[in-house]
Amino acid sequence: MSQNQSAGNGALFKNDKQGVESRPDYTGTAKIWDKEFFISCWLKTSQTGKKYLSLAFKVKEAQAQAQAQPAAAASTAPAQTSAPVDDDIPF
């Protein structure tokens, strides 16, 4: 969907909550100032009974980088060998 979006546009779709009430009611993407965002939307009711939408935005690049960091950390970690270590020093 995000490939077809022009700057300043987005779309939300009904989310399957799968029995977890804390999940957003709607999810989607938007392109704002040439950056792509994930959007989460919850239908809420204020203390006075007025209904409103609560939105959260996450930069797509930030999430991709966060997922790549554990893999990058694992690749830079020193390799561990399974060979036994000889602790007896002969001298």
PDB file of N, CA and C in Angstrom:
ATOM      1  N   MET A   1       0.816  -1.194   0.000  1.00  0.00           N
ATOM      2  CA  MET A   1       0.000   0.000   0.000  1.00  0.00           C
ATOM      3  C   MET A   1       0.857   1.255   0.000  1.00  0.00           C
ATOM      4  N   SER A   2       1.946   1.279   0.766  1.00  0.00           N
ATOM      5  CA  SER A   2       2.720   2.504   0.911  1.00  0.00           C
ATOM      6  C   SER A   2       3.449   2.889  -0.383  1.00  0.00           C
ATOM      7  N   GLN A   3       3.665   1.966  -1.311  1.00  0.00           N
ATOM      8  CA  GLN A   3       4.331   2.304  -2.561  1.00  0.00           C
ATOM      9  C   GLN A   3       3.463   3.242  -3.399  1.00  0.00           C
ATOM     10  N   ASN A   4       2.153   3.168  -3.253  1.00  0.00           N
ATOM     11  CA  ASN A   4       1.234   3.966  -4.039  1.00  0.00           C
ATOM     12  C   ASN A   4       0.866   5.287  -3.373  1.00  0.00           C
ATOM     13  N   GLN A   5       1.402   5.553  -2.194  1.00  0.00           N
ATOM     14  CA  GLN A   5       1.034   6.756  -1.472  1.00  0.00           C
ATOM     15  C   GLN A   5       1.882   7.944  -1.904  1.00  0.00           C
ATOM     16  N   SER A   6       1.221   9.076  -2.026  1.00  0.00           N
ATOM     17  CA  SER A   6       1.957  10.309  -2.267  1.00  0.00           C
ATOM     18  C   SER A   6       2.131  11.012  -0.923  1.00  0.00           C
ATOM     19  N   ALA A   7       3.047  11.965  -0.864  1.00  0.00           N
ATOM     20  CA  ALA A   7       3.336  12.661   0.387  1.00  0.00           C
ATOM     21  C   ALA A   7       2.079  13.300   0.949  1.00  0.00           C
ATOM     22  N   GLY A   8       1.883  13.140   2.237  1.00  0.00           N
ATOM     23  CA  GLY A   8       0.728  13.722   2.908  1.00  0.00           C
ATOM     24  C   GLY A   8      -0.496  12.837   2.931  1.00  0.00           C
ATOM     25  N   ASN A   9      -0.391  11.590   2.470  1.00  0.00           N
ATOM     26  CA  ASN A   9      -1.526  10.677   2.428  1.00  0.00           C
ATOM     27  C   ASN A   9      -1.247   9.415   3.220  1.00  0.00           C
ATOM     28  N   GLY A  10      -2.326   8.749   3.626  1.00  0.00           N
ATOM     29  CA  GLY A  10      -2.208   7.487   4.340  1.00  0.00           C
ATOM     30  C   GLY A  10      -3.518   6.741   4.301  1.00  0.00           C
ATOM     31  N   ALA A  11      -3.530   5.559   4.915  1.00  0.00           N
ATOM     32  CA  ALA A  11      -4.737   4.739   4.952  1.00  0.00           C
ATOM     33  C   ALA A  11      -4.745   3.910   6.221  1.00  0.00           C
ATOM     34  N   LEU A  12      -5.943   3.698   6.775  1.00  0.00           N
ATOM     35  CA  LEU A  12      -6.137   2.849   7.944  1.00  0.00           C
ATOM     36  C   LEU A  12      -7.079   1.714   7.577  1.00  0.00           C
ATOM     37  N   PHE A  13      -6.831   0.552   8.160  1.00  0.00           N
ATOM     38  CA  PHE A  13      -7.648  -0.626   7.912  1.00  0.00           C
ATOM     39  C   PHE A  13      -8.044  -1.243   9.241  1.00  0.00           C
ATOM     40  N   LYS A  14      -9.236  -1.826   9.305  1.00  0.00           N
ATOM     41  CA  LYS A  14      -9.724  -2.499  10.515  1.00  0.00           C
ATOM     42  C   LYS A  14      -8.730  -3.580  10.898  1.00  0.00           C
ATOM     43  N   ASN A  15      -8.368  -3.616  12.167  1.00  0.00           N
ATOM     44  CA  ASN A  15      -7.368  -4.551  12.670  1.00  0.00           C
ATOM     45  C   ASN A  15      -8.056  -5.735  13.347  1.00  0.00           C
ATOM     46  N   ASP A  16      -7.580  -6.943  13.084  1.00  0.00           N
ATOM     47  CA  ASP A  16      -8.058  -8.132  13.780  1.00  0.00           C
ATOM     48  C   ASP A  16      -7.335  -8.188  15.120  1.00  0.00           C
ATOM     49  N   LYS A  17      -8.045  -7.889  16.189  1.00  0.00           N
ATOM     50  CA  LYS A  17      -7.436  -7.811  17.514  1.00  0.00           C
ATOM     51  C   LYS A  17      -7.094  -9.181  18.094  1.00  0.00           C
ATOM     52  N   GLN A  18      -7.639 -10.232  17.524  1.00  0.00           N
ATOM     53  CA  GLN A  18      -7.384 -11.609  17.954  1.00  0.00           C
ATOM     54  C   GLN A  18      -7.567 -11.785  19.462  1.00  0.00           C
ATOM     55  N   GLY A  19      -8.596 -11.143  20.008  1.00  0.00           N
ATOM     56  CA  GLY A  19      -8.926 -11.302  21.416  1.00  0.00           C
ATOM     57  C   GLY A  19      -8.082 -10.486  22.379  1.00  0.00           C
ATOM     58  N   VAL A  20      -7.173  -9.662  21.881  1.00  0.00           N
ATOM     59  CA  VAL A  20      -6.321  -8.834  22.740  1.00  0.00           C
ATOM     60  C   VAL A  20      -6.839  -7.395  22.650  1.00  0.00           C
ATOM     61  N   GLU A  21      -7.498  -6.935  23.708  1.00  0.00           N
ATOM     62  CA  GLU A  21      -8.152  -5.625  23.689  1.00  0.00           C
ATOM     63  C   GLU A  21      -7.187  -4.453  23.581  1.00  0.00           C
ATOM     64  N   SER A  22      -5.928  -4.617  23.980  1.00  0.00           N
ATOM     65  CA  SER A  22      -4.983  -3.500  23.934  1.00  0.00           C
ATOM     66  C   SER A  22      -4.461  -3.226  22.517  1.00  0.00           C
ATOM     67  N   ARG A  23      -4.694  -4.142  21.599  1.00  0.00           N
ATOM     68  CA  ARG A  23      -4.258  -3.911  20.211  1.00  0.00           C
ATOM     69  C   ARG A  23      -5.092  -2.808  19.579  1.00  0.00           C
ATOM     70  N   PRO A  24      -4.509  -2.092  18.612  1.00  0.00           N
ATOM     71  CA  PRO A  24      -5.254  -0.998  17.971  1.00  0.00           C
ATOM     72  C   PRO A  24      -6.475  -1.497  17.209  1.00  0.00           C
ATOM     73  N   ASP A  25      -7.488  -0.637  17.132  1.00  0.00           N
ATOM     74  CA  ASP A  25      -8.693  -0.972  16.365  1.00  0.00           C
ATOM     75  C   ASP A  25      -8.431  -0.886  14.865  1.00  0.00           C
ATOM     76  N   TYR A  26      -7.539   0.035  14.474  1.00  0.00           N
ATOM     77  CA  TYR A  26      -7.173   0.222  13.073  1.00  0.00           C
ATOM     78  C   TYR A  26      -5.657   0.369  12.971  1.00  0.00           C
ATOM     79  N   THR A  27      -5.092  -0.114  11.875  1.00  0.00           N
ATOM     80  CA  THR A  27      -3.664   0.065  11.596  1.00  0.00           C
ATOM     81  C   THR A  27      -3.505   0.451  10.136  1.00  0.00           C
ATOM     82  N   GLY A  28      -2.363   1.057   9.824  1.00  0.00           N
ATOM     83  CA  GLY A  28      -2.113   1.440   8.443  1.00  0.00           C
ATOM     84  C   GLY A  28      -0.786   2.136   8.302  1.00  0.00           C
ATOM     85  N   THR A  29      -0.623   2.836   7.190  1.00  0.00           N
ATOM     86  CA  THR A  29       0.614   3.546   6.897  1.00  0.00           C
ATOM     87  C   THR A  29       0.288   4.932   6.358  1.00  0.00           C
ATOM     88  N   ALA A  30       1.273   5.813   6.449  1.00  0.00           N
ATOM     89  CA  ALA A  30       1.143   7.163   5.894  1.00  0.00           C
ATOM     90  C   ALA A  30       2.509   7.626   5.427  1.00  0.00           C
ATOM     91  N   LYS A  31       2.499   8.494   4.450  1.00  0.00           N
ATOM     92  CA  LYS A  31       3.734   9.102   3.962  1.00  0.00           C
ATOM     93  C   LYS A  31       3.644  10.597   4.248  1.00  0.00           C
ATOM     94  N   ILE A  32       4.536  11.067   5.119  1.00  0.00           N
ATOM     95  CA  ILE A  32       4.533  12.467   5.528  1.00  0.00           C
ATOM     96  C   ILE A  32       5.946  13.011   5.353  1.00  0.00           C
ATOM     97  N   TRP A  33       6.089  14.092   4.578  1.00  0.00           N
ATOM     98  CA  TRP A  33       7.385  14.708   4.305  1.00  0.00           C
ATOM     99  C   TRP A  33       8.417  13.674   3.858  1.00  0.00           C
ATOM    100  N   ASP A  34       8.040  12.836   2.928  1.00  0.00           N
ATOM    101  CA  ASP A  34       8.903  11.816   2.327  1.00  0.00           C
ATOM    102  C   ASP A  34       9.382  10.760   3.314  1.00  0.00           C
ATOM    103  N   LYS A  35       8.738  10.633   4.464  1.00  0.00           N
ATOM    104  CA  LYS A  35       9.029   9.558   5.406  1.00  0.00           C
ATOM    105  C   LYS A  35       7.781   8.701   5.538  1.00  0.00           C
ATOM    106  N   GLU A  36       7.997   7.397   5.675  1.00  0.00           N
ATOM    107  CA  GLU A  36       6.875   6.479   5.833  1.00  0.00           C
ATOM    108  C   GLU A  36       6.691   6.137   7.304  1.00  0.00           C
ATOM    109  N   PHE A  37       5.420   6.111   7.726  1.00  0.00           N
ATOM    110  CA  PHE A  37       5.068   5.854   9.112  1.00  0.00           C
ATOM    111  C   PHE A  37       4.069   4.708   9.205  1.00  0.00           C
ATOM    112  N   PHE A  38       4.169   3.936  10.299  1.00  0.00           N
ATOM    113  CA  PHE A  38       3.110   3.015  10.680  1.00  0.00           C
ATOM    114  C   PHE A  38       2.145   3.811  11.545  1.00  0.00           C
ATOM    115  N   ILE A  39       0.837   3.587  11.367  1.00  0.00           N
ATOM    116  CA  ILE A  39      -0.172   4.278  12.164  1.00  0.00           C
ATOM    117  C   ILE A  39      -0.964   3.235  12.942  1.00  0.00           C
ATOM    118  N   SER A  40      -1.193   3.517  14.219  1.00  0.00           N
ATOM    119  CA  SER A  40      -2.083   2.713  15.053  1.00  0.00           C
ATOM    120  C   SER A  40      -3.184   3.635  15.544  1.00  0.00           C
ATOM    121  N   CYS A  41      -4.424   3.138  15.554  1.00  0.00           N
ATOM    122  CA  CYS A  41      -5.563   3.966  15.923  1.00  0.00           C
ATOM    123  C   CYS A  41      -6.486   3.190  16.868  1.00  0.00           C
ATOM    124  N   TRP A  42      -6.859   3.840  17.984  1.00  0.00           N
ATOM    125  CA  TRP A  42      -7.769   3.248  18.951  1.00  0.00           C
ATOM    126  C   TRP A  42      -9.026   4.103  19.029  1.00  0.00           C
ATOM    127  N   LEU A  43     -10.197   3.479  19.079  1.00  0.00           N
ATOM    128  CA  LEU A  43     -11.461   4.180  19.294  1.00  0.00           C
ATOM    129  C   LEU A  43     -11.647   4.282  20.805  1.00  0.00           C
ATOM    130  N   LYS A  44     -11.752   5.505  21.327  1.00  0.00           N
ATOM    131  CA  LYS A  44     -11.855   5.706  22.772  1.00  0.00           C
ATOM    132  C   LYS A  44     -13.035   6.607  23.110  1.00  0.00           C
ATOM    133  N   THR A  45     -13.375   6.609  24.401  1.00  0.00           N
ATOM    134  CA  THR A  45     -14.434   7.470  24.902  1.00  0.00           C
ATOM    135  C   THR A  45     -13.875   8.268  26.069  1.00  0.00           C
ATOM    136  N   SER A  46     -14.075   9.588  26.038  1.00  0.00           N
ATOM    137  CA  SER A  46     -13.573  10.456  27.101  1.00  0.00           C
ATOM    138  C   SER A  46     -14.413  10.280  28.366  1.00  0.00           C
ATOM    139  N   GLN A  47     -13.980  10.894  29.453  1.00  0.00           N
ATOM    140  CA  GLN A  47     -14.709  10.816  30.720  1.00  0.00           C
ATOM    141  C   GLN A  47     -16.075  11.468  30.622  1.00  0.00           C
ATOM    142  N   THR A  48     -16.224  12.407  29.688  1.00  0.00           N
ATOM    143  CA  THR A  48     -17.517  13.071  29.502  1.00  0.00           C
ATOM    144  C   THR A  48     -18.423  12.310  28.524  1.00  0.00           C
ATOM    145  N   GLY A  49     -17.926  11.176  28.004  1.00  0.00           N
ATOM    146  CA  GLY A  49     -18.728  10.352  27.103  1.00  0.00           C
ATOM    147  C   GLY A  49     -18.560  10.672  25.634  1.00  0.00           C
ATOM    148  N   LYS A  50     -17.657  11.586  25.313  1.00  0.00           N
ATOM    149  CA  LYS A  50     -17.423  11.963  23.923  1.00  0.00           C
ATOM    150  C   LYS A  50     -16.458  10.957  23.284  1.00  0.00           C
ATOM    151  N   LYS A  51     -16.818  10.454  22.094  1.00  0.00           N
ATOM    152  CA  LYS A  51     -15.962   9.496  21.395  1.00  0.00           C
ATOM    153  C   LYS A  51     -14.878  10.227  20.616  1.00  0.00           C
ATOM    154  N   TYR A  52     -13.671   9.611  20.576  1.00  0.00           N
ATOM    155  CA  TYR A  52     -12.557  10.207  19.838  1.00  0.00           C
ATOM    156  C   TYR A  52     -11.613   9.114  19.355  1.00  0.00           C
ATOM    157  N   LEU A  53     -10.687   9.485  18.473  1.00  0.00           N
ATOM    158  CA  LEU A  53      -9.669   8.578  17.955  1.00  0.00           C
ATOM    159  C   LEU A  53      -8.326   8.934  18.577  1.00  0.00           C
ATOM    160  N   SER A  54      -7.621   7.943  19.055  1.00  0.00           N
ATOM    161  CA  SER A  54      -6.272   8.127  19.589  1.00  0.00           C
ATOM    162  C   SER A  54      -5.301   7.511  18.589  1.00  0.00           C
ATOM    163  N   LEU A  55      -4.307   8.282  18.149  1.00  0.00           N
ATOM    164  CA  LEU A  55      -3.380   7.837  17.111  1.00  0.00           C
ATOM    165  C   LEU A  55      -1.960   7.733  17.642  1.00  0.00           C
ATOM    166  N   ALA A  56      -1.197   6.798  17.078  1.00  0.00           N
ATOM    167  CA  ALA A  56       0.234   6.676  17.356  1.00  0.00           C
ATOM    168  C   ALA A  56       0.944   6.463  16.025  1.00  0.00           C
ATOM    169  N   PHE A  57       2.088   7.135  15.863  1.00  0.00           N
ATOM    170  CA  PHE A  57       2.874   7.042  14.632  1.00  0.00           C
ATOM    171  C   PHE A  57       4.262   6.508  14.965  1.00  0.00           C
ATOM    172  N   LYS A  58       4.785   5.612  14.118  1.00  0.00           N
ATOM    173  CA  LYS A  58       6.158   5.114  14.243  1.00  0.00           C
ATOM    174  C   LYS A  58       6.820   5.174  12.884  1.00  0.00           C
ATOM    175  N   VAL A  59       8.025   5.698  12.842  1.00  0.00           N
ATOM    176  CA  VAL A  59       8.762   5.767  11.584  1.00  0.00           C
ATOM    177  C   VAL A  59       9.115   4.344  11.158  1.00  0.00           C
ATOM    178  N   LYS A  60       8.834   4.006   9.902  1.00  0.00           N
ATOM    179  CA  LYS A  60       9.126   2.657   9.411  1.00  0.00           C
ATOM    180  C   LYS A  60      10.617   2.343   9.481  1.00  0.00           C
ATOM    181  N   GLU A  61      11.479   3.326   9.150  1.00  0.00           N
ATOM    182  CA  GLU A  61      12.925   3.107   9.160  1.00  0.00           C
ATOM    183  C   GLU A  61      13.421   2.768  10.556  1.00  0.00           C
ATOM    184  N   ALA A  62      12.879   3.419  11.569  1.00  0.00           N
ATOM    185  CA  ALA A  62      13.310   3.181  12.946  1.00  0.00           C
ATOM    186  C   ALA A  62      13.014   1.748  13.351  1.00  0.00           C
ATOM    187  N   GLN A  63      11.870   1.219  12.953  1.00  0.00           N
ATOM    188  CA  GLN A  63      11.523  -0.155  13.304  1.00  0.00           C
ATOM    189  C   GLN A  63      12.429  -1.134  12.560  1.00  0.00           C
ATOM    190  N   ALA A  64      12.729  -0.863  11.297  1.00  0.00           N
ATOM    191  CA  ALA A  64      13.612  -1.737  10.531  1.00  0.00           C
ATOM    192  C   ALA A  64      15.010  -1.757  11.138  1.00  0.00           C
ATOM    193  N   GLN A  65      15.494  -0.596  11.599  1.00  0.00           N
ATOM    194  CA  GLN A  65      16.812  -0.523  12.221  1.00  0.00           C
ATOM    195  C   GLN A  65      16.825  -1.266  13.547  1.00  0.00           C
ATOM    196  N   ALA A  66      15.751  -1.170  14.329  1.00  0.00           N
ATOM    197  CA  ALA A  66      15.680  -1.848  15.618  1.00  0.00           C
ATOM    198  C   ALA A  66      15.710  -3.357  15.429  1.00  0.00           C
ATOM    199  N   GLN A  67      15.075  -3.850  14.372  1.00  0.00           N
ATOM    200  CA  GLN A  67      15.079  -5.282  14.103  1.00  0.00           C
ATOM    201  C   GLN A  67      16.435  -5.735  13.593  1.00  0.00           C
ATOM    202  N   ALA A  68      17.173  -4.856  12.906  1.00  0.00           N
ATOM    203  CA  ALA A  68      18.471  -5.212  12.348  1.00  0.00           C
ATOM    204  C   ALA A  68      19.567  -5.182  13.405  1.00  0.00           C
ATOM    205  N   GLN A  69      19.424  -4.396  14.468  1.00  0.00           N
ATOM    206  CA  GLN A  69      20.468  -4.273  15.478  1.00  0.00           C
ATOM    207  C   GLN A  69      20.803  -5.587  16.173  1.00  0.00           C
ATOM    208  N   PRO A  70      19.835  -6.400  16.616  1.00  0.00           N
ATOM    209  CA  PRO A  70      20.221  -7.666  17.243  1.00  0.00           C
ATOM    210  C   PRO A  70      21.005  -8.574  16.296  1.00  0.00           C
ATOM    211  N   ALA A  71      20.639  -8.573  15.026  1.00  0.00           N
ATOM    212  CA  ALA A  71      21.358  -9.397  14.054  1.00  0.00           C
ATOM    213  C   ALA A  71      22.772  -8.868  13.856  1.00  0.00           C
ATOM    214  N   ALA A  72      22.924  -7.548  13.816  1.00  0.00           N
ATOM    215  CA  ALA A  72      24.243  -6.948  13.641  1.00  0.00           C
ATOM    216  C   ALA A  72      25.112  -7.207  14.860  1.00  0.00           C
ATOM    217  N   ALA A  73      24.528  -7.143  16.053  1.00  0.00           N
ATOM    218  CA  ALA A  73      25.282  -7.397  17.278  1.00  0.00           C
ATOM    219  C   ALA A  73      25.754  -8.846  17.323  1.00  0.00           C
ATOM    220  N   ALA A  74      24.930  -9.753  16.852  1.00  0.00           N
ATOM    221  CA  ALA A  74      25.311 -11.159  16.850  1.00  0.00           C
ATOM    222  C   ALA A  74      26.439 -11.413  15.861  1.00  0.00           C
ATOM    223  N   SER A  75      26.447 -10.692  14.745  1.00  0.00           N
ATOM    224  CA  SER A  75      27.485 -10.927  13.748  1.00  0.00           C
ATOM    225  C   SER A  75      28.822 -10.333  14.169  1.00  0.00           C
ATOM    226  N   THR A  76      28.832  -9.346  15.065  1.00  0.00           N
ATOM    227  CA  THR A  76      30.087  -8.753  15.516  1.00  0.00           C
ATOM    228  C   THR A  76      30.611  -9.407  16.788  1.00  0.00           C
ATOM    229  N   ALA A  77      29.817 -10.265  17.394  1.00  0.00           N
ATOM    230  CA  ALA A  77      30.258 -10.951  18.612  1.00  0.00           C
ATOM    231  C   ALA A  77      31.345 -11.959  18.253  1.00  0.00           C
ATOM    232  N   PRO A  78      32.319 -12.151  19.139  1.00  0.00           N
ATOM    233  CA  PRO A  78      33.368 -13.115  18.848  1.00  0.00           C
ATOM    234  C   PRO A  78      32.793 -14.530  18.758  1.00  0.00           C
ATOM    235  N   ALA A  79      33.339 -15.287  17.850  1.00  0.00           N
ATOM    236  CA  ALA A  79      32.868 -16.652  17.650  1.00  0.00           C
ATOM    237  C   ALA A  79      33.272 -17.511  18.841  1.00  0.00           C
ATOM    238  N   GLN A  80      32.353 -18.335  19.294  1.00  0.00           N
ATOM    239  CA  GLN A  80      32.644 -19.236  20.399  1.00  0.00           C
ATOM    240  C   GLN A  80      32.900 -20.620  19.830  1.00  0.00           C
ATOM    241  N   THR A  81      33.927 -21.257  20.340  1.00  0.00           N
ATOM    242  CA  THR A  81      34.242 -22.596  19.879  1.00  0.00           C
ATOM    243  C   THR A  81      33.768 -23.595  20.912  1.00  0.00           C
ATOM    244  N   SER A  82      33.465 -24.778  20.467  1.00  0.00           N
ATOM    245  CA  SER A  82      33.013 -25.806  21.388  1.00  0.00           C
ATOM    246  C   SER A  82      34.154 -26.739  21.789  1.00  0.00           C
ATOM    247  N   ALA A  83      35.370 -26.430  21.348  1.00  0.00           N
ATOM    248  CA  ALA A  83      36.517 -27.271  21.709  1.00  0.00           C
ATOM    249  C   ALA A  83      36.849 -27.063  23.181  1.00  0.00           C
ATOM    250  N   PRO A  84      37.219 -28.141  23.882  1.00  0.00           N
ATOM    251  CA  PRO A  84      37.553 -28.008  25.299  1.00  0.00           C
ATOM    252  C   PRO A  84      38.829 -27.184  25.478  1.00  0.00           C
ATOM    253  N   VAL A  85      38.878 -26.454  26.571  1.00  0.00           N
ATOM    254  CA  VAL A  85      40.029 -25.624  26.876  1.00  0.00           C
ATOM    255  C   VAL A  85      40.920 -26.393  27.841  1.00  0.00           C
ATOM    256  N   ASP A  86      42.221 -26.446  27.528  1.00  0.00           N
ATOM    257  CA  ASP A  86      43.182 -27.141  28.396  1.00  0.00           C
ATOM    258  C   ASP A  86      43.717 -26.135  29.408  1.00  0.00           C
ATOM    259  N   ASP A  87      43.233 -26.236  30.637  1.00  0.00           N
ATOM    260  CA  ASP A  87      43.631 -25.301  31.689  1.00  0.00           C
ATOM    261  C   ASP A  87      44.943 -25.675  32.349  1.00  0.00           C
ATOM    262  N   ASP A  88      45.487 -26.846  32.093  1.00  0.00           N
ATOM    263  CA  ASP A  88      46.743 -27.253  32.704  1.00  0.00           C
ATOM    264  C   ASP A  88      47.896 -26.637  31.928  1.00  0.00           C
ATOM    265  N   ILE A  89      48.591 -25.722  32.582  1.00  0.00           N
ATOM    266  CA  ILE A  89      49.728 -25.059  31.952  1.00  0.00           C
ATOM    267  C   ILE A  89      50.987 -25.839  32.345  1.00  0.00           C
ATOM    268  N   PRO A  90      51.741 -26.347  31.386  1.00  0.00           N
ATOM    269  CA  PRO A  90      52.875 -27.216  31.701  1.00  0.00           C
ATOM    270  C   PRO A  90      54.084 -26.478  32.269  1.00  0.00           C
ATOM    271  N   PHE A  91      54.138 -25.211  32.317  1.00  0.00           N
ATOM    272  CA  PHE A  91      55.322 -24.519  32.820  1.00  0.00           C
ATOM    273  C   PHE A  91      55.020 -23.663  34.007  1.00  0.00           C
TER     274      PHE A  91
END
